[in-house]
Amino acid sequence: MGWIKDGEQVAGKYFDQAFEGVVSESRVKYGGRVQYTVELHNPITLPWRNEPVNLVLVDNEDLTVL
């Protein structure tokens, strides 16, 4: 169960934006890479969106604190 992080607090970088949040879903993508759905503690604004987002999909490599 090492790759399943549902309910865990995580932090990382998503398109050079730091984030912190709770993993709501862990999944293995086609090809074997792990992806997490993270509900953010504080919304972030991405360069291509006008509104802040409360949820991001990140790969395992994007997490800095596990």
PDB file of N, CA and C in Angstrom:
ATOM      1  N   MET A   1       0.817  -1.202   0.000  1.00  0.00           N
ATOM      2  CA  MET A   1       0.000   0.000   0.000  1.00  0.00           C
ATOM      3  C   MET A   1       0.849   1.250   0.000  1.00  0.00           C
ATOM      4  N   GLY A   2       2.108   1.163  -0.401  1.00  0.00           N
ATOM      5  CA  GLY A   2       3.015   2.285  -0.351  1.00  0.00           C
ATOM      6  C   GLY A   2       2.641   3.447  -1.237  1.00  0.00           C
ATOM      7  N   TRP A   3       2.024   3.193  -2.363  1.00  0.00           N
ATOM      8  CA  TRP A   3       1.719   4.280  -3.283  1.00  0.00           C
ATOM      9  C   TRP A   3       0.345   4.885  -3.019  1.00  0.00           C
ATOM     10  N   ILE A   4      -0.498   4.223  -2.255  1.00  0.00           N
ATOM     11  CA  ILE A   4      -1.832   4.741  -1.955  1.00  0.00           C
ATOM     12  C   ILE A   4      -1.698   5.731  -0.797  1.00  0.00           C
ATOM     13  N   LYS A   5      -2.064   6.977  -1.053  1.00  0.00           N
ATOM     14  CA  LYS A   5      -1.889   8.037  -0.065  1.00  0.00           C
ATOM     15  C   LYS A   5      -3.207   8.728   0.275  1.00  0.00           C
ATOM     16  N   ASP A   6      -4.322   8.052   0.039  1.00  0.00           N
ATOM     17  CA  ASP A   6      -5.623   8.653   0.323  1.00  0.00           C
ATOM     18  C   ASP A   6      -5.695   9.115   1.771  1.00  0.00           C
ATOM     19  N   GLY A   7      -6.098  10.389   1.967  1.00  0.00           N
ATOM     20  CA  GLY A   7      -6.228  10.959   3.300  1.00  0.00           C
ATOM     21  C   GLY A   7      -4.948  11.548   3.862  1.00  0.00           C
ATOM     22  N   GLU A   8      -3.829  11.390   3.180  1.00  0.00           N
ATOM     23  CA  GLU A   8      -2.549  11.909   3.686  1.00  0.00           C
ATOM     24  C   GLU A   8      -2.343  13.365   3.302  1.00  0.00           C
ATOM     25  N   GLN A   9      -1.650  14.100   4.176  1.00  0.00           N
ATOM     26  CA  GLN A   9      -1.252  15.476   3.902  1.00  0.00           C
ATOM     27  C   GLN A   9      -0.033  15.441   2.990  1.00  0.00           C
ATOM     28  N   VAL A  10      -0.047  16.219   1.924  1.00  0.00           N
ATOM     29  CA  VAL A  10       1.091  16.274   1.009  1.00  0.00           C
ATOM     30  C   VAL A  10       1.377  17.726   0.638  1.00  0.00           C
ATOM     31  N   ALA A  11       2.559  17.936   0.088  1.00  0.00           N
ATOM     32  CA  ALA A  11       2.953  19.246  -0.433  1.00  0.00           C
ATOM     33  C   ALA A  11       3.790  18.992  -1.676  1.00  0.00           C
ATOM     34  N   GLY A  12       3.894  20.014  -2.506  1.00  0.00           N
ATOM     35  CA  GLY A  12       4.694  19.860  -3.709  1.00  0.00           C
ATOM     36  C   GLY A  12       4.637  21.096  -4.572  1.00  0.00           C
ATOM     37  N   LYS A  13       5.011  20.908  -5.820  1.00  0.00           N
ATOM     38  CA  LYS A  13       4.978  21.993  -6.807  1.00  0.00           C
ATOM     39  C   LYS A  13       4.174  21.523  -8.010  1.00  0.00           C
ATOM     40  N   TYR A  14       3.277  22.380  -8.469  1.00  0.00           N
ATOM     41  CA  TYR A  14       2.440  22.112  -9.629  1.00  0.00           C
ATOM     42  C   TYR A  14       2.616  23.287 -10.579  1.00  0.00           C
ATOM     43  N   PHE A  15       3.284  23.070 -11.701  1.00  0.00           N
ATOM     44  CA  PHE A  15       3.614  24.131 -12.647  1.00  0.00           C
ATOM     45  C   PHE A  15       4.255  25.318 -11.920  1.00  0.00           C
ATOM     46  N   ASP A  16       5.286  25.018 -11.120  1.00  0.00           N
ATOM     47  CA  ASP A  16       6.069  25.997 -10.363  1.00  0.00           C
ATOM     48  C   ASP A  16       5.287  26.735  -9.279  1.00  0.00           C
ATOM     49  N   GLN A  17       4.118  26.241  -8.926  1.00  0.00           N
ATOM     50  CA  GLN A  17       3.344  26.830  -7.836  1.00  0.00           C
ATOM     51  C   GLN A  17       3.353  25.857  -6.659  1.00  0.00           C
ATOM     52  N   ALA A  18       3.780  26.323  -5.498  1.00  0.00           N
ATOM     53  CA  ALA A  18       3.783  25.474  -4.310  1.00  0.00           C
ATOM     54  C   ALA A  18       2.351  25.228  -3.851  1.00  0.00           C
ATOM     55  N   PHE A  19       2.099  23.999  -3.375  1.00  0.00           N
ATOM     56  CA  PHE A  19       0.774  23.671  -2.876  1.00  0.00           C
ATOM     57  C   PHE A  19       0.891  22.749  -1.664  1.00  0.00           C
ATOM     58  N   GLU A  20      -0.165  22.748  -0.863  1.00  0.00           N
ATOM     59  CA  GLU A  20      -0.325  21.818   0.251  1.00  0.00           C
ATOM     60  C   GLU A  20      -1.773  21.378   0.257  1.00  0.00           C
ATOM     61  N   GLY A  21      -1.997  20.118   0.597  1.00  0.00           N
ATOM     62  CA  GLY A  21      -3.367  19.633   0.631  1.00  0.00           C
ATOM     63  C   GLY A  21      -3.460  18.195   1.083  1.00  0.00           C
ATOM     64  N   VAL A  22      -4.644  17.630   0.884  1.00  0.00           N
ATOM     65  CA  VAL A  22      -4.948  16.263   1.289  1.00  0.00           C
ATOM     66  C   VAL A  22      -5.265  15.451   0.042  1.00  0.00           C
ATOM     67  N   VAL A  23      -4.687  14.257  -0.046  1.00  0.00           N
ATOM     68  CA  VAL A  23      -4.945  13.372  -1.178  1.00  0.00           C
ATOM     69  C   VAL A  23      -6.342  12.788  -1.025  1.00  0.00           C
ATOM     70  N   SER A  24      -7.183  12.989  -2.046  1.00  0.00           N
ATOM     71  CA  SER A  24      -8.530  12.422  -2.004  1.00  0.00           C
ATOM     72  C   SER A  24      -8.622  11.153  -2.850  1.00  0.00           C
ATOM     73  N   GLU A  25      -7.668  10.965  -3.787  1.00  0.00           N
ATOM     74  CA  GLU A  25      -7.680   9.759  -4.614  1.00  0.00           C
ATOM     75  C   GLU A  25      -6.275   9.468  -5.117  1.00  0.00           C
ATOM     76  N   SER A  26      -5.927   8.186  -5.122  1.00  0.00           N
ATOM     77  CA  SER A  26      -4.652   7.713  -5.669  1.00  0.00           C
ATOM     78  C   SER A  26      -4.989   6.746  -6.801  1.00  0.00           C
ATOM     79  N   ARG A  27      -4.254   6.845  -7.908  1.00  0.00           N
ATOM     80  CA  ARG A  27      -4.516   5.925  -9.001  1.00  0.00           C
ATOM     81  C   ARG A  27      -3.250   5.659  -9.787  1.00  0.00           C
ATOM     82  N   VAL A  28      -3.220   4.519 -10.466  1.00  0.00           N
ATOM     83  CA  VAL A  28      -2.121   4.204 -11.359  1.00  0.00           C
ATOM     84  C   VAL A  28      -2.606   4.486 -12.777  1.00  0.00           C
ATOM     85  N   LYS A  29      -1.889   5.354 -13.475  1.00  0.00           N
ATOM     86  CA  LYS A  29      -2.238   5.706 -14.844  1.00  0.00           C
ATOM     87  C   LYS A  29      -1.745   4.624 -15.796  1.00  0.00           C
ATOM     88  N   TYR A  30      -2.257   4.640 -17.000  1.00  0.00           N
ATOM     89  CA  TYR A  30      -1.782   3.752 -18.040  1.00  0.00           C
ATOM     90  C   TYR A  30      -0.286   3.976 -18.214  1.00  0.00           C
ATOM     91  N   GLY A  31       0.487   2.921 -18.175  1.00  0.00           N
ATOM     92  CA  GLY A  31       1.931   3.033 -18.251  1.00  0.00           C
ATOM     93  C   GLY A  31       2.601   2.871 -16.891  1.00  0.00           C
ATOM     94  N   GLY A  32       1.809   2.814 -15.819  1.00  0.00           N
ATOM     95  CA  GLY A  32       2.365   2.526 -14.512  1.00  0.00           C
ATOM     96  C   GLY A  32       2.708   3.719 -13.648  1.00  0.00           C
ATOM     97  N   ARG A  33       2.515   4.947 -14.115  1.00  0.00           N
ATOM     98  CA  ARG A  33       2.811   6.113 -13.288  1.00  0.00           C
ATOM     99  C   ARG A  33       1.669   6.355 -12.314  1.00  0.00           C
ATOM    100  N   VAL A  34       2.013   6.880 -11.133  1.00  0.00           N
ATOM    101  CA  VAL A  34       1.027   7.126 -10.083  1.00  0.00           C
ATOM    102  C   VAL A  34       0.597   8.590 -10.132  1.00  0.00           C
ATOM    103  N   GLN A  35      -0.718   8.821  -9.996  1.00  0.00           N
ATOM    104  CA  GLN A  35      -1.269  10.177 -10.003  1.00  0.00           C
ATOM    105  C   GLN A  35      -2.171  10.340  -8.792  1.00  0.00           C
ATOM    106  N   TYR A  36      -2.153  11.536  -8.211  1.00  0.00           N
ATOM    107  CA  TYR A  36      -2.963  11.839  -7.036  1.00  0.00           C
ATOM    108  C   TYR A  36      -3.887  13.019  -7.309  1.00  0.00           C
ATOM    109  N   THR A  37      -5.097  12.930  -6.780  1.00  0.00           N
ATOM    110  CA  THR A  37      -6.014  14.059  -6.754  1.00  0.00           C
ATOM    111  C   THR A  37      -5.838  14.701  -5.383  1.00  0.00           C
ATOM    112  N   VAL A  38      -5.447  15.977  -5.372  1.00  0.00           N
ATOM    113  CA  VAL A  38      -5.152  16.674  -4.119  1.00  0.00           C
ATOM    114  C   VAL A  38      -6.129  17.828  -3.941  1.00  0.00           C
ATOM    115  N   GLU A  39      -6.844  17.810  -2.808  1.00  0.00           N
ATOM    116  CA  GLU A  39      -7.710  18.921  -2.425  1.00  0.00           C
ATOM    117  C   GLU A  39      -6.842  19.906  -1.649  1.00  0.00           C
ATOM    118  N   LEU A  40      -6.703  21.113  -2.172  1.00  0.00           N
ATOM    119  CA  LEU A  40      -5.769  22.094  -1.627  1.00  0.00           C
ATOM    120  C   LEU A  40      -6.293  22.777  -0.368  1.00  0.00           C
ATOM    121  N   HIS A  41      -5.381  23.074   0.561  1.00  0.00           N
ATOM    122  CA  HIS A  41      -5.733  23.855   1.757  1.00  0.00           C
ATOM    123  C   HIS A  41      -5.999  25.301   1.364  1.00  0.00           C
ATOM    124  N   ASN A  42      -5.164  25.840   0.467  1.00  0.00           N
ATOM    125  CA  ASN A  42      -5.314  27.211  -0.025  1.00  0.00           C
ATOM    126  C   ASN A  42      -5.332  27.157  -1.544  1.00  0.00           C
ATOM    127  N   PRO A  43      -6.331  27.765  -2.178  1.00  0.00           N
ATOM    128  CA  PRO A  43      -6.410  27.743  -3.637  1.00  0.00           C
ATOM    129  C   PRO A  43      -5.182  28.387  -4.285  1.00  0.00           C
ATOM    130  N   ILE A  44      -4.839  27.912  -5.475  1.00  0.00           N
ATOM    131  CA  ILE A  44      -3.754  28.521  -6.251  1.00  0.00           C
ATOM    132  C   ILE A  44      -4.322  28.979  -7.589  1.00  0.00           C
ATOM    133  N   THR A  45      -3.707  30.000  -8.171  1.00  0.00           N
ATOM    134  CA  THR A  45      -4.108  30.491  -9.481  1.00  0.00           C
ATOM    135  C   THR A  45      -3.059  30.063 -10.490  1.00  0.00           C
ATOM    136  N   LEU A  46      -3.502  29.407 -11.524  1.00  0.00           N
ATOM    137  CA  LEU A  46      -2.604  28.920 -12.566  1.00  0.00           C
ATOM    138  C   LEU A  46      -2.543  29.927 -13.706  1.00  0.00           C
ATOM    139  N   PRO A  47      -1.415  29.962 -14.429  1.00  0.00           N
ATOM    140  CA  PRO A  47      -1.242  30.986 -15.465  1.00  0.00           C
ATOM    141  C   PRO A  47      -2.316  30.976 -16.549  1.00  0.00           C
ATOM    142  N   TRP A  48      -2.913  29.837 -16.840  1.00  0.00           N
ATOM    143  CA  TRP A  48      -3.865  29.739 -17.940  1.00  0.00           C
ATOM    144  C   TRP A  48      -5.328  29.832 -17.467  1.00  0.00           C
ATOM    145  N   ARG A  49      -5.530  30.072 -16.170  1.00  0.00           N
ATOM    146  CA  ARG A  49      -6.890  30.200 -15.636  1.00  0.00           C
ATOM    147  C   ARG A  49      -7.055  31.541 -14.944  1.00  0.00           C
ATOM    148  N   ASN A  50      -8.255  32.082 -15.010  1.00  0.00           N
ATOM    149  CA  ASN A  50      -8.544  33.354 -14.347  1.00  0.00           C
ATOM    150  C   ASN A  50      -8.976  33.170 -12.901  1.00  0.00           C
ATOM    151  N   GLU A  51      -9.476  31.978 -12.575  1.00  0.00           N
ATOM    152  CA  GLU A  51      -9.988  31.722 -11.241  1.00  0.00           C
ATOM    153  C   GLU A  51      -9.074  30.767 -10.488  1.00  0.00           C
ATOM    154  N   PRO A  52      -8.980  30.913  -9.184  1.00  0.00           N
ATOM    155  CA  PRO A  52      -8.175  29.972  -8.393  1.00  0.00           C
ATOM    156  C   PRO A  52      -8.792  28.575  -8.429  1.00  0.00           C
ATOM    157  N   VAL A  53      -7.947  27.559  -8.279  1.00  0.00           N
ATOM    158  CA  VAL A  53      -8.411  26.170  -8.254  1.00  0.00           C
ATOM    159  C   VAL A  53      -8.203  25.591  -6.853  1.00  0.00           C
ATOM    160  N   ASN A  54      -9.103  24.697  -6.463  1.00  0.00           N
ATOM    161  CA  ASN A  54      -9.055  24.057  -5.151  1.00  0.00           C
ATOM    162  C   ASN A  54      -8.610  22.608  -5.239  1.00  0.00           C
ATOM    163  N   LEU A  55      -8.397  22.110  -6.471  1.00  0.00           N
ATOM    164  CA  LEU A  55      -8.102  20.709  -6.699  1.00  0.00           C
ATOM    165  C   LEU A  55      -7.086  20.595  -7.819  1.00  0.00           C
ATOM    166  N   VAL A  56      -6.067  19.748  -7.630  1.00  0.00           N
ATOM    167  CA  VAL A  56      -5.082  19.517  -8.690  1.00  0.00           C
ATOM    168  C   VAL A  56      -4.834  18.022  -8.834  1.00  0.00           C
ATOM    169  N   LEU A  57      -4.467  17.610 -10.037  1.00  0.00           N
ATOM    170  CA  LEU A  57      -4.041  16.244 -10.324  1.00  0.00           C
ATOM    171  C   LEU A  57      -2.539  16.284 -10.513  1.00  0.00           C
ATOM    172  N   VAL A  58      -1.811  15.599  -9.643  1.00  0.00           N
ATOM    173  CA  VAL A  58      -0.353  15.654  -9.695  1.00  0.00           C
ATOM    174  C   VAL A  58       0.227  14.247  -9.776  1.00  0.00           C
ATOM    175  N   ASP A  59       1.371  14.145 -10.421  1.00  0.00           N
ATOM    176  CA  ASP A  59       2.107  12.887 -10.463  1.00  0.00           C
ATOM    177  C   ASP A  59       2.942  12.755  -9.205  1.00  0.00           C
ATOM    178  N   ASN A  60       3.354  11.556  -8.919  1.00  0.00           N
ATOM    179  CA  ASN A  60       4.166  11.276  -7.736  1.00  0.00           C
ATOM    180  C   ASN A  60       5.430  12.138  -7.719  1.00  0.00           C
ATOM    181  N   GLU A  61       6.018  12.402  -8.893  1.00  0.00           N
ATOM    182  CA  GLU A  61       7.244  13.194  -8.985  1.00  0.00           C
ATOM    183  C   GLU A  61       7.022  14.656  -8.567  1.00  0.00           C
ATOM    184  N   ASP A  62       5.773  15.140  -8.578  1.00  0.00           N
ATOM    185  CA  ASP A  62       5.477  16.525  -8.222  1.00  0.00           C
ATOM    186  C   ASP A  62       5.428  16.747  -6.714  1.00  0.00           C
ATOM    187  N   LEU A  63       5.358  15.663  -5.935  1.00  0.00           N
ATOM    188  CA  LEU A  63       5.275  15.788  -4.478  1.00  0.00           C
ATOM    189  C   LEU A  63       6.662  15.971  -3.894  1.00  0.00           C
ATOM    190  N   THR A  64       6.775  16.908  -2.935  1.00  0.00           N
ATOM    191  CA  THR A  64       8.064  17.148  -2.292  1.00  0.00           C
ATOM    192  C   THR A  64       8.071  16.647  -0.865  1.00  0.00           C
ATOM    193  N   VAL A  65       6.902  16.567  -0.219  1.00  0.00           N
ATOM    194  CA  VAL A  65       6.804  16.087   1.151  1.00  0.00           C
ATOM    195  C   VAL A  65       5.827  14.917   1.148  1.00  0.00           C
ATOM    196  N   LEU A  66       6.315  13.765   1.610  1.00  0.00           N
ATOM    197  CA  LEU A  66       5.452  12.581   1.652  1.00  0.00           C
ATOM    198  C   LEU A  66       5.239  12.120   3.073  1.00  0.00           C
TER     199      LEU A  66
END
